[in-house]
């Protein structure tokens, strides 16, 4: 595995760190490919229940693509190859397009989350940040727009009005504004951000993994769906959970007034 992407085990939690602080944790093609593979390994690992994603150092979560290497690489790519990779591949950072992971993913945003780095954070399920975090989709300043989920996920998370302001201006959003509009869930002081995020992830890892998986699937699939159809899908998901060992364990643990021991079956 590339040294640009580090993975640590914390019980059932996997800490994934973008380790390019000298480049503001921007991703070149090699680092991006390594991050894609890391997420695929997390998805396939039955012992890994939750992922935490962060950036090395104290300045940046991820500043997007390393444009110098991306520009040089694009110049050597054929148009058909570029179009296929841009529309059908896993996207920036591995989880922004095509790679749907049904386990919880939490972002610990320790500074700048810019352009592709912002889109990577948006692709996570829950976002915590430090007080100095800043968010921006700056693409319109250079003549293009976000292409790895920013235009799709941001309105779902913060509403169309706030998304329009962020996307059409390219201006940065500070941590307090991000919290106010629902872009981040919590703000933690930088020295304790990772600790707090890992503690939260460990709590998530103790919850029923099948219930989390089914719920996440329902929330993703029903967004924008007619209400009646969405309610049927939700009900069907609940019915399917009723036949799992985890539900039997959960109800038994409730009666016995103890912590449930879920096995994902």
C-alpha atoms as a PDB file:
ATOM      1  CA  UNK A   1       0.000   0.000   0.000  1.00  0.00           C
ATOM      2  CA  UNK A   2       1.208   3.509  -0.805  1.00  0.00           C
ATOM      3  CA  UNK A   3       2.703   5.582   2.003  1.00  0.00           C
ATOM      4  CA  UNK A   4       0.445   8.380   0.760  1.00  0.00           C
ATOM      5  CA  UNK A   5      -2.546   6.577   2.272  1.00  0.00           C
ATOM      6  CA  UNK A   6      -2.239   5.105   5.770  1.00  0.00           C
ATOM      7  CA  UNK A   7      -4.645   2.720   7.491  1.00  0.00           C
ATOM      8  CA  UNK A   8      -4.742   1.971  11.219  1.00  0.00           C
ATOM      9  CA  UNK A   9      -6.924  -0.491  13.097  1.00  0.00           C
ATOM     10  CA  UNK A  10      -8.747   0.789  16.158  1.00  0.00           C
ATOM     11  CA  UNK A  11     -10.800  -2.236  17.112  1.00  0.00           C
ATOM     12  CA  UNK A  12     -13.670  -2.395  14.609  1.00  0.00           C
ATOM     13  CA  UNK A  13     -12.814   1.094  13.320  1.00  0.00           C
ATOM     14  CA  UNK A  14     -10.411   1.806  10.478  1.00  0.00           C
ATOM     15  CA  UNK A  15      -8.611   5.149  10.468  1.00  0.00           C
ATOM     16  CA  UNK A  16      -7.739   6.173   6.908  1.00  0.00           C
ATOM     17  CA  UNK A  17      -5.284   9.067   6.648  1.00  0.00           C
ATOM     18  CA  UNK A  18      -4.318  10.963   3.513  1.00  0.00           C
ATOM     19  CA  UNK A  19      -0.608  11.355   4.172  1.00  0.00           C
ATOM     20  CA  UNK A  20       0.582  14.128   1.868  1.00  0.00           C
ATOM     21  CA  UNK A  21       0.817  17.127   4.218  1.00  0.00           C
ATOM     22  CA  UNK A  22       3.493  18.845   2.114  1.00  0.00           C
ATOM     23  CA  UNK A  23       0.931  18.921  -0.721  1.00  0.00           C
ATOM     24  CA  UNK A  24      -1.960  19.951   1.571  1.00  0.00           C
ATOM     25  CA  UNK A  25      -3.109  16.317   1.292  1.00  0.00           C
ATOM     26  CA  UNK A  26      -4.048  16.819  -2.343  1.00  0.00           C
ATOM     27  CA  UNK A  27      -4.197  13.614  -4.367  1.00  0.00           C
ATOM     28  CA  UNK A  28      -2.236  12.789  -7.478  1.00  0.00           C
ATOM     29  CA  UNK A  29      -3.339   9.821  -9.586  1.00  0.00           C
ATOM     30  CA  UNK A  30      -1.244   7.306  -7.625  1.00  0.00           C
ATOM     31  CA  UNK A  31      -2.532   8.510  -4.241  1.00  0.00           C
ATOM     32  CA  UNK A  32      -6.092   8.578  -5.548  1.00  0.00           C
ATOM     33  CA  UNK A  33      -5.780   4.995  -6.782  1.00  0.00           C
ATOM     34  CA  UNK A  34      -4.371   3.968  -3.402  1.00  0.00           C
ATOM     35  CA  UNK A  35      -7.300   5.587  -1.607  1.00  0.00           C
ATOM     36  CA  UNK A  36      -9.768   3.826  -3.911  1.00  0.00           C
ATOM     37  CA  UNK A  37      -8.130   0.490  -3.078  1.00  0.00           C
ATOM     38  CA  UNK A  38      -8.154   1.305   0.645  1.00  0.00           C
ATOM     39  CA  UNK A  39     -11.907   1.909   0.564  1.00  0.00           C
ATOM     40  CA  UNK A  40     -12.449  -1.308  -1.376  1.00  0.00           C
ATOM     41  CA  UNK A  41     -10.501  -3.215   1.280  1.00  0.00           C
ATOM     42  CA  UNK A  42     -12.552  -1.562   4.021  1.00  0.00           C
ATOM     43  CA  UNK A  43     -15.786  -2.519   2.274  1.00  0.00           C
ATOM     44  CA  UNK A  44     -14.666  -6.155   1.954  1.00  0.00           C
ATOM     45  CA  UNK A  45     -13.301  -6.490   5.515  1.00  0.00           C
ATOM     46  CA  UNK A  46     -15.917  -8.150   7.728  1.00  0.00           C
ATOM     47  CA  UNK A  47     -13.967  -7.054  10.810  1.00  0.00           C
ATOM     48  CA  UNK A  48     -14.151  -3.376   9.866  1.00  0.00           C
ATOM     49  CA  UNK A  49     -17.451  -1.741  10.762  1.00  0.00           C
ATOM     50  CA  UNK A  50     -16.739   1.994  10.559  1.00  0.00           C
ATOM     51  CA  UNK A  51     -14.171   4.145   8.750  1.00  0.00           C
ATOM     52  CA  UNK A  52     -12.776   7.504   9.825  1.00  0.00           C
ATOM     53  CA  UNK A  53     -11.142   9.605   7.107  1.00  0.00           C
ATOM     54  CA  UNK A  54      -8.757  12.463   7.855  1.00  0.00           C
ATOM     55  CA  UNK A  55      -5.681  14.260   6.567  1.00  0.00           C
ATOM     56  CA  UNK A  56      -2.153  14.256   7.951  1.00  0.00           C
ATOM     57  CA  UNK A  57      -0.813  17.375   9.645  1.00  0.00           C
ATOM     58  CA  UNK A  58      -2.791  20.297  10.998  1.00  0.00           C
ATOM     59  CA  UNK A  59      -3.562  22.390   7.919  1.00  0.00           C
ATOM     60  CA  UNK A  60      -5.633  20.366   5.517  1.00  0.00           C
ATOM     61  CA  UNK A  61      -8.097  17.510   5.288  1.00  0.00           C
ATOM     62  CA  UNK A  62      -7.722  17.348   1.510  1.00  0.00           C
ATOM     63  CA  UNK A  63      -7.111  20.207  -0.898  1.00  0.00           C
ATOM     64  CA  UNK A  64      -8.481  18.264  -3.858  1.00  0.00           C
ATOM     65  CA  UNK A  65      -6.513  17.045  -6.841  1.00  0.00           C
ATOM     66  CA  UNK A  66      -2.788  17.698  -7.171  1.00  0.00           C
ATOM     67  CA  UNK A  67      -3.371  19.798 -10.281  1.00  0.00           C
ATOM     68  CA  UNK A  68       0.236  19.750 -11.461  1.00  0.00           C
ATOM     69  CA  UNK A  69       0.317  15.984 -11.798  1.00  0.00           C
ATOM     70  CA  UNK A  70      -3.310  15.746 -12.942  1.00  0.00           C
ATOM     71  CA  UNK A  71      -2.682  18.278 -15.721  1.00  0.00           C
ATOM     72  CA  UNK A  72       0.429  16.443 -16.879  1.00  0.00           C
ATOM     73  CA  UNK A  73      -1.340  13.072 -16.797  1.00  0.00           C
ATOM     74  CA  UNK A  74      -4.453  14.318 -18.608  1.00  0.00           C
ATOM     75  CA  UNK A  75      -2.253  15.605 -21.426  1.00  0.00           C
ATOM     76  CA  UNK A  76      -1.105  12.031 -22.075  1.00  0.00           C
ATOM     77  CA  UNK A  77      -4.566  10.442 -21.981  1.00  0.00           C
ATOM     78  CA  UNK A  78      -6.782   9.774 -24.981  1.00  0.00           C
ATOM     79  CA  UNK A  79     -10.180  11.428 -25.078  1.00  0.00           C
ATOM     80  CA  UNK A  80     -12.178   8.128 -24.982  1.00  0.00           C
ATOM     81  CA  UNK A  81     -10.139   6.872 -22.011  1.00  0.00           C
ATOM     82  CA  UNK A  82     -10.648  10.141 -20.162  1.00  0.00           C
ATOM     83  CA  UNK A  83     -14.390  10.167 -20.792  1.00  0.00           C
ATOM     84  CA  UNK A  84     -14.799   6.577 -19.569  1.00  0.00           C
ATOM     85  CA  UNK A  85     -12.754   7.185 -16.409  1.00  0.00           C
ATOM     86  CA  UNK A  86     -14.487  10.467 -15.681  1.00  0.00           C
ATOM     87  CA  UNK A  87     -18.020   9.108 -15.926  1.00  0.00           C
ATOM     88  CA  UNK A  88     -17.799   5.423 -14.979  1.00  0.00           C
ATOM     89  CA  UNK A  89     -14.883   5.188 -12.541  1.00  0.00           C
ATOM     90  CA  UNK A  90     -14.930   5.360  -8.731  1.00  0.00           C
ATOM     91  CA  UNK A  91     -14.442   9.109  -8.746  1.00  0.00           C
ATOM     92  CA  UNK A  92     -12.163  11.271  -6.649  1.00  0.00           C
ATOM     93  CA  UNK A  93     -11.059   9.614  -3.435  1.00  0.00           C
ATOM     94  CA  UNK A  94     -12.849   6.350  -4.149  1.00  0.00           C
ATOM     95  CA  UNK A  95     -16.275   7.036  -2.642  1.00  0.00           C
ATOM     96  CA  UNK A  96     -17.547  10.007  -4.631  1.00  0.00           C
ATOM     97  CA  UNK A  97     -18.893   7.916  -7.518  1.00  0.00           C
ATOM     98  CA  UNK A  98     -19.763   4.271  -8.248  1.00  0.00           C
ATOM     99  CA  UNK A  99     -18.206   2.798  -5.076  1.00  0.00           C
ATOM    100  CA  UNK A 100     -21.170   2.631  -2.690  1.00  0.00           C
ATOM    101  CA  UNK A 101     -20.102   1.430   0.766  1.00  0.00           C
ATOM    102  CA  UNK A 102     -22.869   0.368   3.126  1.00  0.00           C
ATOM    103  CA  UNK A 103     -20.846   0.865   6.321  1.00  0.00           C
ATOM    104  CA  UNK A 104     -20.676   4.212   8.182  1.00  0.00           C
ATOM    105  CA  UNK A 105     -17.913   6.597   7.093  1.00  0.00           C
ATOM    106  CA  UNK A 106     -17.047   9.620   9.245  1.00  0.00           C
ATOM    107  CA  UNK A 107     -14.843  12.520   8.137  1.00  0.00           C
ATOM    108  CA  UNK A 108     -12.533  14.284  10.610  1.00  0.00           C
ATOM    109  CA  UNK A 109     -11.916  17.527   8.728  1.00  0.00           C
ATOM    110  CA  UNK A 110      -8.812  19.097  10.204  1.00  0.00           C
ATOM    111  CA  UNK A 111      -8.413  22.185   8.001  1.00  0.00           C
ATOM    112  CA  UNK A 112      -9.013  22.839   4.327  1.00  0.00           C
ATOM    113  CA  UNK A 113     -11.547  20.732   2.419  1.00  0.00           C
ATOM    114  CA  UNK A 114     -11.324  22.238  -1.037  1.00  0.00           C
ATOM    115  CA  UNK A 115     -12.829  21.166  -4.372  1.00  0.00           C
ATOM    116  CA  UNK A 116     -12.306  17.383  -4.653  1.00  0.00           C
ATOM    117  CA  UNK A 117     -11.457  17.282  -0.951  1.00  0.00           C
ATOM    118  CA  UNK A 118     -14.794  18.926  -0.201  1.00  0.00           C
ATOM    119  CA  UNK A 119     -16.530  16.375  -2.423  1.00  0.00           C
ATOM    120  CA  UNK A 120     -14.748  13.566  -0.571  1.00  0.00           C
ATOM    121  CA  UNK A 121     -16.083  14.969   2.713  1.00  0.00           C
ATOM    122  CA  UNK A 122     -19.586  15.225   1.227  1.00  0.00           C
ATOM    123  CA  UNK A 123     -19.430  11.538   0.270  1.00  0.00           C
ATOM    124  CA  UNK A 124     -18.897  10.613   3.935  1.00  0.00           C
ATOM    125  CA  UNK A 125     -21.988   9.974   6.036  1.00  0.00           C
ATOM    126  CA  UNK A 126     -21.084  12.216   8.973  1.00  0.00           C
ATOM    127  CA  UNK A 127     -18.674  15.155   9.151  1.00  0.00           C
ATOM    128  CA  UNK A 128     -16.832  16.554  12.180  1.00  0.00           C
ATOM    129  CA  UNK A 129     -14.419  19.457  11.790  1.00  0.00           C
ATOM    130  CA  UNK A 130     -11.994  21.696  13.645  1.00  0.00           C
ATOM    131  CA  UNK A 131     -12.763  25.407  14.216  1.00  0.00           C
ATOM    132  CA  UNK A 132     -10.302  26.455  11.499  1.00  0.00           C
ATOM    133  CA  UNK A 133     -11.777  24.177   8.817  1.00  0.00           C
ATOM    134  CA  UNK A 134     -12.720  25.821   5.536  1.00  0.00           C
ATOM    135  CA  UNK A 135     -14.805  24.426   2.704  1.00  0.00           C
ATOM    136  CA  UNK A 136     -15.026  25.484  -0.928  1.00  0.00           C
ATOM    137  CA  UNK A 137     -15.859  24.343  -4.430  1.00  0.00           C
ATOM    138  CA  UNK A 138     -13.611  26.809  -6.228  1.00  0.00           C
ATOM    139  CA  UNK A 139     -14.013  25.320  -9.704  1.00  0.00           C
ATOM    140  CA  UNK A 140     -16.040  28.226 -11.133  1.00  0.00           C
ATOM    141  CA  UNK A 141     -13.039  30.493 -10.581  1.00  0.00           C
ATOM    142  CA  UNK A 142     -11.118  28.457 -13.155  1.00  0.00           C
ATOM    143  CA  UNK A 143     -13.850  27.830 -15.707  1.00  0.00           C
ATOM    144  CA  UNK A 144     -15.382  24.498 -14.722  1.00  0.00           C
ATOM    145  CA  UNK A 145     -17.610  23.032 -12.010  1.00  0.00           C
ATOM    146  CA  UNK A 146     -17.531  20.204  -9.483  1.00  0.00           C
ATOM    147  CA  UNK A 147     -17.695  16.761 -11.060  1.00  0.00           C
ATOM    148  CA  UNK A 148     -17.365  14.262  -8.190  1.00  0.00           C
ATOM    149  CA  UNK A 149     -20.703  14.609  -6.443  1.00  0.00           C
ATOM    150  CA  UNK A 150     -20.516  18.200  -5.249  1.00  0.00           C
ATOM    151  CA  UNK A 151     -23.435  19.371  -7.364  1.00  0.00           C
ATOM    152  CA  UNK A 152     -25.506  16.344  -6.360  1.00  0.00           C
ATOM    153  CA  UNK A 153     -24.757  15.803  -2.654  1.00  0.00           C
ATOM    154  CA  UNK A 154     -24.339  19.386  -1.467  1.00  0.00           C
ATOM    155  CA  UNK A 155     -27.986  20.428  -2.143  1.00  0.00           C
ATOM    156  CA  UNK A 156     -29.177  17.261  -0.394  1.00  0.00           C
ATOM    157  CA  UNK A 157     -27.127  18.108   2.688  1.00  0.00           C
ATOM    158  CA  UNK A 158     -27.502  21.890   3.036  1.00  0.00           C
ATOM    159  CA  UNK A 159     -30.475  22.729   0.793  1.00  0.00           C
ATOM    160  CA  UNK A 160     -30.556  24.264  -2.661  1.00  0.00           C
ATOM    161  CA  UNK A 161     -30.128  27.901  -1.600  1.00  0.00           C
ATOM    162  CA  UNK A 162     -26.970  27.338   0.432  1.00  0.00           C
ATOM    163  CA  UNK A 163     -25.610  24.994  -2.249  1.00  0.00           C
ATOM    164  CA  UNK A 164     -26.170  27.572  -4.972  1.00  0.00           C
ATOM    165  CA  UNK A 165     -24.281  30.171  -2.942  1.00  0.00           C
ATOM    166  CA  UNK A 166     -21.320  27.849  -2.370  1.00  0.00           C
ATOM    167  CA  UNK A 167     -21.156  26.468  -5.916  1.00  0.00           C
ATOM    168  CA  UNK A 168     -21.830  29.613  -7.945  1.00  0.00           C
ATOM    169  CA  UNK A 169     -19.502  31.871  -5.955  1.00  0.00           C
ATOM    170  CA  UNK A 170     -16.586  29.535  -5.314  1.00  0.00           C
ATOM    171  CA  UNK A 171     -16.087  31.342  -2.012  1.00  0.00           C
ATOM    172  CA  UNK A 172     -14.937  29.597   1.156  1.00  0.00           C
ATOM    173  CA  UNK A 173     -17.232  28.630   4.010  1.00  0.00           C
ATOM    174  CA  UNK A 174     -15.888  28.697   7.566  1.00  0.00           C
ATOM    175  CA  UNK A 175     -16.564  26.097  10.248  1.00  0.00           C
ATOM    176  CA  UNK A 176     -19.255  28.053  12.081  1.00  0.00           C
ATOM    177  CA  UNK A 177     -21.193  28.657   8.885  1.00  0.00           C
ATOM    178  CA  UNK A 178     -20.745  25.014   7.910  1.00  0.00           C
ATOM    179  CA  UNK A 179     -22.260  23.954  11.232  1.00  0.00           C
ATOM    180  CA  UNK A 180     -25.114  26.458  10.969  1.00  0.00           C
ATOM    181  CA  UNK A 181     -26.208  25.202   7.540  1.00  0.00           C
ATOM    182  CA  UNK A 182     -25.829  21.523   8.429  1.00  0.00           C
ATOM    183  CA  UNK A 183     -22.729  20.863   6.373  1.00  0.00           C
ATOM    184  CA  UNK A 184     -20.901  19.505   9.427  1.00  0.00           C
ATOM    185  CA  UNK A 185     -22.430  17.692  12.383  1.00  0.00           C
ATOM    186  CA  UNK A 186     -20.063  18.860  15.113  1.00  0.00           C
ATOM    187  CA  UNK A 187     -17.066  21.120  15.690  1.00  0.00           C
ATOM    188  CA  UNK A 188     -14.274  19.909  17.980  1.00  0.00           C
ATOM    189  CA  UNK A 189     -11.118  21.698  19.035  1.00  0.00           C
ATOM    190  CA  UNK A 190      -8.295  20.613  16.755  1.00  0.00           C
ATOM    191  CA  UNK A 191      -6.161  18.837  19.418  1.00  0.00           C
ATOM    192  CA  UNK A 192      -9.122  16.564  20.228  1.00  0.00           C
ATOM    193  CA  UNK A 193     -10.817  16.309  16.827  1.00  0.00           C
ATOM    194  CA  UNK A 194      -9.420  12.917  15.883  1.00  0.00           C
ATOM    195  CA  UNK A 195      -9.874  11.514  19.393  1.00  0.00           C
ATOM    196  CA  UNK A 196     -13.497  12.661  19.498  1.00  0.00           C
ATOM    197  CA  UNK A 197     -14.163  11.313  16.009  1.00  0.00           C
ATOM    198  CA  UNK A 198     -12.639   7.928  16.804  1.00  0.00           C
ATOM    199  CA  UNK A 199     -14.679   7.733  20.017  1.00  0.00           C
ATOM    200  CA  UNK A 200     -17.824   8.458  18.034  1.00  0.00           C
ATOM    201  CA  UNK A 201     -16.866   5.869  15.410  1.00  0.00           C
ATOM    202  CA  UNK A 202     -16.294   3.288  18.141  1.00  0.00           C
ATOM    203  CA  UNK A 203     -19.829   3.971  19.385  1.00  0.00           C
ATOM    204  CA  UNK A 204     -21.171   3.474  15.846  1.00  0.00           C
ATOM    205  CA  UNK A 205     -19.249   0.202  15.626  1.00  0.00           C
ATOM    206  CA  UNK A 206     -21.167  -1.120  18.642  1.00  0.00           C
ATOM    207  CA  UNK A 207     -24.504  -0.576  16.929  1.00  0.00           C
ATOM    208  CA  UNK A 208     -26.208  -3.206  14.786  1.00  0.00           C
ATOM    209  CA  UNK A 209     -24.295  -3.307  11.479  1.00  0.00           C
ATOM    210  CA  UNK A 210     -27.149  -4.799   9.453  1.00  0.00           C
ATOM    211  CA  UNK A 211     -29.550  -2.158  10.728  1.00  0.00           C
ATOM    212  CA  UNK A 212     -27.038   0.551   9.784  1.00  0.00           C
ATOM    213  CA  UNK A 213     -26.505  -1.004   6.368  1.00  0.00           C
ATOM    214  CA  UNK A 214     -30.206  -1.329   5.616  1.00  0.00           C
ATOM    215  CA  UNK A 215     -30.987   2.166   6.917  1.00  0.00           C
ATOM    216  CA  UNK A 216     -28.188   3.740   4.899  1.00  0.00           C
ATOM    217  CA  UNK A 217     -29.416   1.947   1.792  1.00  0.00           C
ATOM    218  CA  UNK A 218     -32.984   3.155   2.315  1.00  0.00           C
ATOM    219  CA  UNK A 219     -31.907   6.766   2.873  1.00  0.00           C
ATOM    220  CA  UNK A 220     -29.760   6.763  -0.250  1.00  0.00           C
ATOM    221  CA  UNK A 221     -32.287   5.053  -2.504  1.00  0.00           C
ATOM    222  CA  UNK A 222     -35.389   6.962  -1.418  1.00  0.00           C
ATOM    223  CA  UNK A 223     -34.029  10.487  -1.790  1.00  0.00           C
ATOM    224  CA  UNK A 224     -36.234  12.179  -4.368  1.00  0.00           C
ATOM    225  CA  UNK A 225     -38.506   9.141  -4.655  1.00  0.00           C
ATOM    226  CA  UNK A 226     -42.296   9.601  -4.396  1.00  0.00           C
ATOM    227  CA  UNK A 227     -43.286   9.337  -0.729  1.00  0.00           C
ATOM    228  CA  UNK A 228     -45.578   6.323  -1.118  1.00  0.00           C
ATOM    229  CA  UNK A 229     -42.902   4.364  -2.966  1.00  0.00           C
ATOM    230  CA  UNK A 230     -40.240   5.405  -0.454  1.00  0.00           C
ATOM    231  CA  UNK A 231     -42.407   4.301   2.478  1.00  0.00           C
ATOM    232  CA  UNK A 232     -42.903   0.882   0.884  1.00  0.00           C
ATOM    233  CA  UNK A 233     -39.143   0.487   0.510  1.00  0.00           C
ATOM    234  CA  UNK A 234     -38.586   1.525   4.131  1.00  0.00           C
ATOM    235  CA  UNK A 235     -41.223  -0.947   5.333  1.00  0.00           C
ATOM    236  CA  UNK A 236     -39.741  -3.757   3.256  1.00  0.00           C
ATOM    237  CA  UNK A 237     -36.293  -3.059   4.682  1.00  0.00           C
ATOM    238  CA  UNK A 238     -37.711  -3.191   8.220  1.00  0.00           C
ATOM    239  CA  UNK A 239     -39.401  -6.522   7.428  1.00  0.00           C
ATOM    240  CA  UNK A 240     -36.126  -7.972   6.117  1.00  0.00           C
ATOM    241  CA  UNK A 241     -34.341  -6.940   9.328  1.00  0.00           C
ATOM    242  CA  UNK A 242     -36.964  -8.860  11.304  1.00  0.00           C
ATOM    243  CA  UNK A 243     -35.478 -12.136  10.141  1.00  0.00           C
ATOM    244  CA  UNK A 244     -31.911 -11.421  11.285  1.00  0.00           C
ATOM    245  CA  UNK A 245     -30.015 -12.805  14.264  1.00  0.00           C
ATOM    246  CA  UNK A 246     -28.999  -9.256  15.170  1.00  0.00           C
ATOM    247  CA  UNK A 247     -32.612  -8.262  15.809  1.00  0.00           C
ATOM    248  CA  UNK A 248     -33.116 -11.282  18.055  1.00  0.00           C
ATOM    249  CA  UNK A 249     -29.936 -10.372  19.936  1.00  0.00           C
ATOM    250  CA  UNK A 250     -30.990  -6.740  20.225  1.00  0.00           C
ATOM    251  CA  UNK A 251     -34.413  -7.524  21.677  1.00  0.00           C
ATOM    252  CA  UNK A 252     -32.893 -10.074  24.063  1.00  0.00           C
ATOM    253  CA  UNK A 253     -30.294  -7.553  25.215  1.00  0.00           C
ATOM    254  CA  UNK A 254     -33.050  -4.999  25.800  1.00  0.00           C
ATOM    255  CA  UNK A 255     -35.000  -7.422  27.997  1.00  0.00           C
ATOM    256  CA  UNK A 256     -31.860  -8.412  29.896  1.00  0.00           C
ATOM    257  CA  UNK A 257     -30.761  -4.778  30.288  1.00  0.00           C
ATOM    258  CA  UNK A 258     -27.310  -5.336  28.806  1.00  0.00           C
ATOM    259  CA  UNK A 259     -25.256  -4.152  25.844  1.00  0.00           C
ATOM    260  CA  UNK A 260     -26.134  -6.008  22.651  1.00  0.00           C
ATOM    261  CA  UNK A 261     -23.432  -8.098  20.967  1.00  0.00           C
ATOM    262  CA  UNK A 262     -24.152  -7.840  17.263  1.00  0.00           C
ATOM    263  CA  UNK A 263     -22.572 -10.151  14.714  1.00  0.00           C
ATOM    264  CA  UNK A 264     -23.918  -8.770  11.477  1.00  0.00           C
ATOM    265  CA  UNK A 265     -26.074 -11.804  10.754  1.00  0.00           C
END
